[in-house]
Amino acid sequence: MSIEVNNVVALSGQSYQIDWTEYERDRQGKQLATRRFRGIATVTLTPPQDEAIIRLNPIGLYIRDFDWTAQL
């Protein structure tokens, strides 16, 4: 499977609409299915406070909520 992000639109300072396409392929690379999705992600920025967190998430970007639906 491969994924192509088609569009990202800021809805507010913390929410983004993301449109993407998923391509399913067989072992020979022949495309079996194409599915389109739209999601809304709500994010927050929390600056890391210690070295362990800096290594895992240096910019402190976290997804608080994510909802998606298939597009027809």
PDB file of N, CA and C in Angstrom:
ATOM      1  N   MET A   1       0.845  -1.170   0.000  1.00  0.00           N
ATOM      2  CA  MET A   1       0.000   0.000   0.000  1.00  0.00           C
ATOM      3  C   MET A   1       0.891   1.233   0.000  1.00  0.00           C
ATOM      4  N   SER A   2       0.441   2.247  -0.723  1.00  0.00           N
ATOM      5  CA  SER A   2       1.119   3.535  -0.686  1.00  0.00           C
ATOM      6  C   SER A   2       0.070   4.612  -0.460  1.00  0.00           C
ATOM      7  N   ILE A   3       0.523   5.722   0.082  1.00  0.00           N
ATOM      8  CA  ILE A   3      -0.371   6.827   0.426  1.00  0.00           C
ATOM      9  C   ILE A   3       0.164   8.102  -0.188  1.00  0.00           C
ATOM     10  N   GLU A   4      -0.738   8.876  -0.767  1.00  0.00           N
ATOM     11  CA  GLU A   4      -0.384  10.172  -1.344  1.00  0.00           C
ATOM     12  C   GLU A   4      -1.237  11.236  -0.659  1.00  0.00           C
ATOM     13  N   VAL A   5      -0.577  12.207  -0.030  1.00  0.00           N
ATOM     14  CA  VAL A   5      -1.297  13.328   0.577  1.00  0.00           C
ATOM     15  C   VAL A   5      -1.601  14.313  -0.540  1.00  0.00           C
ATOM     16  N   ASN A   6      -2.897  14.596  -0.741  1.00  0.00           N
ATOM     17  CA  ASN A   6      -3.327  15.458  -1.831  1.00  0.00           C
ATOM     18  C   ASN A   6      -3.468  16.918  -1.423  1.00  0.00           C
ATOM     19  N   ASN A   7      -3.843  17.146  -0.159  1.00  0.00           N
ATOM     20  CA  ASN A   7      -4.170  18.507   0.234  1.00  0.00           C
ATOM     21  C   ASN A   7      -4.165  18.612   1.750  1.00  0.00           C
ATOM     22  N   VAL A   8      -3.631  19.710   2.267  1.00  0.00           N
ATOM     23  CA  VAL A   8      -3.714  20.027   3.692  1.00  0.00           C
ATOM     24  C   VAL A   8      -4.157  21.477   3.794  1.00  0.00           C
ATOM     25  N   VAL A   9      -5.249  21.716   4.519  1.00  0.00           N
ATOM     26  CA  VAL A   9      -5.807  23.061   4.650  1.00  0.00           C
ATOM     27  C   VAL A   9      -5.958  23.377   6.135  1.00  0.00           C
ATOM     28  N   ALA A  10      -5.425  24.514   6.560  1.00  0.00           N
ATOM     29  CA  ALA A  10      -5.598  24.955   7.947  1.00  0.00           C
ATOM     30  C   ALA A  10      -7.023  25.445   8.132  1.00  0.00           C
ATOM     31  N   LEU A  11      -7.729  24.855   9.081  1.00  0.00           N
ATOM     32  CA  LEU A  11      -9.089  25.291   9.400  1.00  0.00           C
ATOM     33  C   LEU A  11      -9.085  26.294  10.546  1.00  0.00           C
ATOM     34  N   SER A  12      -8.089  26.184  11.406  1.00  0.00           N
ATOM     35  CA  SER A  12      -7.896  27.109  12.517  1.00  0.00           C
ATOM     36  C   SER A  12      -6.432  27.006  12.922  1.00  0.00           C
ATOM     37  N   GLY A  13      -6.080  27.618  14.021  1.00  0.00           N
ATOM     38  CA  GLY A  13      -4.703  27.541  14.491  1.00  0.00           C
ATOM     39  C   GLY A  13      -4.304  26.149  14.955  1.00  0.00           C
ATOM     40  N   GLN A  14      -5.309  25.294  15.225  1.00  0.00           N
ATOM     41  CA  GLN A  14      -5.009  23.963  15.748  1.00  0.00           C
ATOM     42  C   GLN A  14      -5.657  22.837  14.955  1.00  0.00           C
ATOM     43  N   SER A  15      -6.452  23.136  13.935  1.00  0.00           N
ATOM     44  CA  SER A  15      -7.146  22.092  13.181  1.00  0.00           C
ATOM     45  C   SER A  15      -6.788  22.166  11.700  1.00  0.00           C
ATOM     46  N   TYR A  16      -6.620  20.980  11.109  1.00  0.00           N
ATOM     47  CA  TYR A  16      -6.249  20.881   9.705  1.00  0.00           C
ATOM     48  C   TYR A  16      -7.098  19.824   9.015  1.00  0.00           C
ATOM     49  N   GLN A  17      -7.521  20.141   7.807  1.00  0.00           N
ATOM     50  CA  GLN A  17      -8.207  19.169   6.960  1.00  0.00           C
ATOM     51  C   GLN A  17      -7.162  18.543   6.052  1.00  0.00           C
ATOM     52  N   ILE A  18      -7.138  17.208   6.011  1.00  0.00           N
ATOM     53  CA  ILE A  18      -6.151  16.483   5.212  1.00  0.00           C
ATOM     54  C   ILE A  18      -6.889  15.561   4.256  1.00  0.00           C
ATOM     55  N   ASP A  19      -6.596  15.687   2.965  1.00  0.00           N
ATOM     56  CA  ASP A  19      -7.146  14.782   1.948  1.00  0.00           C
ATOM     57  C   ASP A  19      -6.016  13.887   1.466  1.00  0.00           C
ATOM     58  N   TRP A  20      -6.258  12.578   1.413  1.00  0.00           N
ATOM     59  CA  TRP A  20      -5.234  11.666   0.937  1.00  0.00           C
ATOM     60  C   TRP A  20      -5.850  10.521   0.142  1.00  0.00           C
ATOM     61  N   THR A  21      -5.002   9.867  -0.631  1.00  0.00           N
ATOM     62  CA  THR A  21      -5.400   8.723  -1.447  1.00  0.00           C
ATOM     63  C   THR A  21      -4.537   7.537  -1.058  1.00  0.00           C
ATOM     64  N   GLU A  22      -5.173   6.378  -0.883  1.00  0.00           N
ATOM     65  CA  GLU A  22      -4.464   5.137  -0.587  1.00  0.00           C
ATOM     66  C   GLU A  22      -4.532   4.241  -1.812  1.00  0.00           C
ATOM     67  N   TYR A  23      -3.384   3.710  -2.200  1.00  0.00           N
ATOM     68  CA  TYR A  23      -3.294   2.816  -3.350  1.00  0.00           C
ATOM     69  C   TYR A  23      -2.893   1.427  -2.857  1.00  0.00           C
ATOM     70  N   GLU A  24      -3.725   0.443  -3.151  1.00  0.00           N
ATOM     71  CA  GLU A  24      -3.411  -0.940  -2.797  1.00  0.00           C
ATOM     72  C   GLU A  24      -2.897  -1.647  -4.042  1.00  0.00           C
ATOM     73  N   ARG A  25      -1.788  -2.367  -3.895  1.00  0.00           N
ATOM     74  CA  ARG A  25      -1.165  -3.046  -5.033  1.00  0.00           C
ATOM     75  C   ARG A  25      -0.867  -4.495  -4.663  1.00  0.00           C
ATOM     76  N   ASP A  26      -0.812  -5.359  -5.696  1.00  0.00           N
ATOM     77  CA  ASP A  26      -0.416  -6.744  -5.460  1.00  0.00           C
ATOM     78  C   ASP A  26       1.112  -6.837  -5.462  1.00  0.00           C
ATOM     79  N   ARG A  27       1.644  -8.022  -5.295  1.00  0.00           N
ATOM     80  CA  ARG A  27       3.100  -8.212  -5.204  1.00  0.00           C
ATOM     81  C   ARG A  27       3.829  -7.848  -6.492  1.00  0.00           C
ATOM     82  N   GLN A  28       3.137  -7.864  -7.616  1.00  0.00           N
ATOM     83  CA  GLN A  28       3.753  -7.487  -8.886  1.00  0.00           C
ATOM     84  C   GLN A  28       3.630  -5.993  -9.165  1.00  0.00           C
ATOM     85  N   GLY A  29       2.972  -5.261  -8.286  1.00  0.00           N
ATOM     86  CA  GLY A  29       2.834  -3.823  -8.454  1.00  0.00           C
ATOM     87  C   GLY A  29       1.570  -3.385  -9.152  1.00  0.00           C
ATOM     88  N   LYS A  30       0.728  -4.339  -9.540  1.00  0.00           N
ATOM     89  CA  LYS A  30      -0.528  -3.990 -10.202  1.00  0.00           C
ATOM     90  C   LYS A  30      -1.484  -3.377  -9.184  1.00  0.00           C
ATOM     91  N   GLN A  31      -2.065  -2.252  -9.561  1.00  0.00           N
ATOM     92  CA  GLN A  31      -2.970  -1.556  -8.672  1.00  0.00           C
ATOM     93  C   GLN A  31      -4.276  -2.334  -8.538  1.00  0.00           C
ATOM     94  N   LEU A  32      -4.666  -2.635  -7.293  1.00  0.00           N
ATOM     95  CA  LEU A  32      -5.889  -3.380  -7.015  1.00  0.00           C
ATOM     96  C   LEU A  32      -7.043  -2.471  -6.618  1.00  0.00           C
ATOM     97  N   ALA A  33      -6.735  -1.434  -5.861  1.00  0.00           N
ATOM     98  CA  ALA A  33      -7.797  -0.550  -5.376  1.00  0.00           C
ATOM     99  C   ALA A  33      -7.227   0.837  -5.099  1.00  0.00           C
ATOM    100  N   THR A  34      -8.087   1.827  -5.221  1.00  0.00           N
ATOM    101  CA  THR A  34      -7.766   3.210  -4.877  1.00  0.00           C
ATOM    102  C   THR A  34      -8.873   3.709  -3.972  1.00  0.00           C
ATOM    103  N   ARG A  35      -8.479   4.272  -2.834  1.00  0.00           N
ATOM    104  CA  ARG A  35      -9.459   4.803  -1.885  1.00  0.00           C
ATOM    105  C   ARG A  35      -9.052   6.221  -1.506  1.00  0.00           C
ATOM    106  N   ARG A  36     -10.051   7.109  -1.459  1.00  0.00           N
ATOM    107  CA  ARG A  36      -9.807   8.503  -1.075  1.00  0.00           C
ATOM    108  C   ARG A  36     -10.409   8.753   0.298  1.00  0.00           C
ATOM    109  N   PHE A  37      -9.707   9.545   1.099  1.00  0.00           N
ATOM    110  CA  PHE A  37     -10.146   9.842   2.455  1.00  0.00           C
ATOM    111  C   PHE A  37      -9.995  11.330   2.745  1.00  0.00           C
ATOM    112  N   ARG A  38     -10.768  11.789   3.718  1.00  0.00           N
ATOM    113  CA  ARG A  38     -10.639  13.160   4.235  1.00  0.00           C
ATOM    114  C   ARG A  38     -10.656  13.064   5.753  1.00  0.00           C
ATOM    115  N   GLY A  39      -9.700  13.746   6.378  1.00  0.00           N
ATOM    116  CA  GLY A  39      -9.623  13.733   7.832  1.00  0.00           C
ATOM    117  C   GLY A  39      -9.456  15.126   8.395  1.00  0.00           C
ATOM    118  N   ILE A  40      -9.832  15.257   9.657  1.00  0.00           N
ATOM    119  CA  ILE A  40      -9.633  16.494  10.402  1.00  0.00           C
ATOM    120  C   ILE A  40      -8.736  16.152  11.584  1.00  0.00           C
ATOM    121  N   ALA A  41      -7.586  16.823  11.665  1.00  0.00           N
ATOM    122  CA  ALA A  41      -6.644  16.610  12.760  1.00  0.00           C
ATOM    123  C   ALA A  41      -6.600  17.858  13.629  1.00  0.00           C
ATOM    124  N   THR A  42      -6.695  17.658  14.926  1.00  0.00           N
ATOM    125  CA  THR A  42      -6.517  18.734  15.892  1.00  0.00           C
ATOM    126  C   THR A  42      -5.181  18.497  16.576  1.00  0.00           C
ATOM    127  N   VAL A  43      -4.323  19.497  16.514  1.00  0.00           N
ATOM    128  CA  VAL A  43      -2.960  19.343  17.024  1.00  0.00           C
ATOM    129  C   VAL A  43      -2.687  20.330  18.146  1.00  0.00           C
ATOM    130  N   THR A  44      -1.641  20.047  18.883  1.00  0.00           N
ATOM    131  CA  THR A  44      -1.180  20.952  19.924  1.00  0.00           C
ATOM    132  C   THR A  44       0.345  20.962  19.903  1.00  0.00           C
ATOM    133  N   LEU A  45       0.915  22.080  20.254  1.00  0.00           N
ATOM    134  CA  LEU A  45       2.374  22.208  20.379  1.00  0.00           C
ATOM    135  C   LEU A  45       2.717  22.332  21.856  1.00  0.00           C
ATOM    136  N   THR A  46       3.528  21.402  22.338  1.00  0.00           N
ATOM    137  CA  THR A  46       3.989  21.413  23.722  1.00  0.00           C
ATOM    138  C   THR A  46       5.507  21.298  23.698  1.00  0.00           C
ATOM    139  N   PRO A  47       6.194  22.379  24.000  1.00  0.00           N
ATOM    140  CA  PRO A  47       7.661  22.323  23.953  1.00  0.00           C
ATOM    141  C   PRO A  47       8.202  21.217  24.863  1.00  0.00           C
ATOM    142  N   PRO A  48       9.150  20.427  24.358  1.00  0.00           N
ATOM    143  CA  PRO A  48       9.716  19.351  25.173  1.00  0.00           C
ATOM    144  C   PRO A  48      10.451  19.910  26.395  1.00  0.00           C
ATOM    145  N   GLN A  49      10.344  19.172  27.500  1.00  0.00           N
ATOM    146  CA  GLN A  49      10.931  19.648  28.755  1.00  0.00           C
ATOM    147  C   GLN A  49      12.204  18.918  29.164  1.00  0.00           C
ATOM    148  N   ASP A  50      12.469  17.757  28.563  1.00  0.00           N
ATOM    149  CA  ASP A  50      13.696  17.044  28.920  1.00  0.00           C
ATOM    150  C   ASP A  50      14.286  16.359  27.688  1.00  0.00           C
ATOM    151  N   GLU A  51      15.502  15.876  27.834  1.00  0.00           N
ATOM    152  CA  GLU A  51      16.244  15.334  26.704  1.00  0.00           C
ATOM    153  C   GLU A  51      15.561  14.110  26.087  1.00  0.00           C
ATOM    154  N   ALA A  52      14.961  13.267  26.899  1.00  0.00           N
ATOM    155  CA  ALA A  52      14.291  12.065  26.374  1.00  0.00           C
ATOM    156  C   ALA A  52      13.148  12.449  25.441  1.00  0.00           C
ATOM    157  N   ILE A  53      12.372  13.443  25.808  1.00  0.00           N
ATOM    158  CA  ILE A  53      11.259  13.896  24.964  1.00  0.00           C
ATOM    159  C   ILE A  53      11.795  14.593  23.716  1.00  0.00           C
ATOM    160  N   ILE A  54      12.866  15.349  23.854  1.00  0.00           N
ATOM    161  CA  ILE A  54      13.467  16.021  22.695  1.00  0.00           C
ATOM    162  C   ILE A  54      13.886  14.990  21.649  1.00  0.00           C
ATOM    163  N   ARG A  55      14.401  13.865  22.081  1.00  0.00           N
ATOM    164  CA  ARG A  55      14.818  12.810  21.148  1.00  0.00           C
ATOM    165  C   ARG A  55      13.615  12.173  20.442  1.00  0.00           C
ATOM    166  N   LEU A  56      12.502  12.047  21.141  1.00  0.00           N
ATOM    167  CA  LEU A  56      11.311  11.423  20.562  1.00  0.00           C
ATOM    168  C   LEU A  56      10.487  12.385  19.706  1.00  0.00           C
ATOM    169  N   ASN A  57      10.375  13.612  20.154  1.00  0.00           N
ATOM    170  CA  ASN A  57       9.504  14.583  19.480  1.00  0.00           C
ATOM    171  C   ASN A  57      10.119  15.981  19.641  1.00  0.00           C
ATOM    172  N   PRO A  58      11.132  16.307  18.844  1.00  0.00           N
ATOM    173  CA  PRO A  58      11.881  17.552  19.063  1.00  0.00           C
ATOM    174  C   PRO A  58      11.063  18.829  18.906  1.00  0.00           C
ATOM    175  N   ILE A  59      10.010  18.834  18.095  1.00  0.00           N
ATOM    176  CA  ILE A  59       9.237  20.073  17.958  1.00  0.00           C
ATOM    177  C   ILE A  59       8.018  20.095  18.880  1.00  0.00           C
ATOM    178  N   GLY A  60       7.701  18.978  19.517  1.00  0.00           N
ATOM    179  CA  GLY A  60       6.598  18.948  20.469  1.00  0.00           C
ATOM    180  C   GLY A  60       5.225  18.990  19.825  1.00  0.00           C
ATOM    181  N   LEU A  61       5.093  18.451  18.617  1.00  0.00           N
ATOM    182  CA  LEU A  61       3.809  18.422  17.914  1.00  0.00           C
ATOM    183  C   LEU A  61       3.062  17.133  18.268  1.00  0.00           C
ATOM    184  N   TYR A  62       1.847  17.277  18.774  1.00  0.00           N
ATOM    185  CA  TYR A  62       1.030  16.133  19.156  1.00  0.00           C
ATOM    186  C   TYR A  62      -0.337  16.226  18.488  1.00  0.00           C
ATOM    187  N   ILE A  63      -0.860  15.104  18.049  1.00  0.00           N
ATOM    188  CA  ILE A  63      -2.221  15.047  17.516  1.00  0.00           C
ATOM    189  C   ILE A  63      -3.151  14.728  18.674  1.00  0.00           C
ATOM    190  N   ARG A  64      -4.045  15.650  18.981  1.00  0.00           N
ATOM    191  CA  ARG A  64      -4.997  15.463  20.078  1.00  0.00           C
ATOM    192  C   ARG A  64      -6.218  14.696  19.644  1.00  0.00           C
ATOM    193  N   ASP A  65      -6.641  14.907  18.387  1.00  0.00           N
ATOM    194  CA  ASP A  65      -7.852  14.266  17.888  1.00  0.00           C
ATOM    195  C   ASP A  65      -7.710  14.091  16.394  1.00  0.00           C
ATOM    196  N   PHE A  66      -8.256  12.981  15.866  1.00  0.00           N
ATOM    197  CA  PHE A  66      -8.209  12.734  14.439  1.00  0.00           C
ATOM    198  C   PHE A  66      -9.441  11.956  14.031  1.00  0.00           C
ATOM    199  N   ASP A  67     -10.229  12.518  13.147  1.00  0.00           N
ATOM    200  CA  ASP A  67     -11.421  11.867  12.609  1.00  0.00           C
ATOM    201  C   ASP A  67     -11.283  11.818  11.097  1.00  0.00           C
ATOM    202  N   TRP A  68     -11.719  10.700  10.496  1.00  0.00           N
ATOM    203  CA  TRP A  68     -11.626  10.598   9.043  1.00  0.00           C
ATOM    204  C   TRP A  68     -12.823   9.844   8.490  1.00  0.00           C
ATOM    205  N   THR A  69     -13.017  10.045   7.197  1.00  0.00           N
ATOM    206  CA  THR A  69     -14.098   9.371   6.494  1.00  0.00           C
ATOM    207  C   THR A  69     -13.647   9.106   5.068  1.00  0.00           C
ATOM    208  N   ALA A  70     -14.193   8.031   4.474  1.00  0.00           N
ATOM    209  CA  ALA A  70     -13.905   7.714   3.085  1.00  0.00           C
ATOM    210  C   ALA A  70     -14.707   8.654   2.193  1.00  0.00           C
ATOM    211  N   GLN A  71     -14.115   9.048   1.085  1.00  0.00           N
ATOM    212  CA  GLN A  71     -14.771   9.899   0.101  1.00  0.00           C
ATOM    213  C   GLN A  71     -15.280   9.025  -1.041  1.00  0.00           C
ATOM    214  N   LEU A  72     -16.482   9.291  -1.483  1.00  0.00           N
ATOM    215  CA  LEU A  72     -17.048   8.510  -2.585  1.00  0.00           C
ATOM    216  C   LEU A  72     -16.682   9.093  -3.929  1.00  0.00           C
TER     217      LEU A  72
END
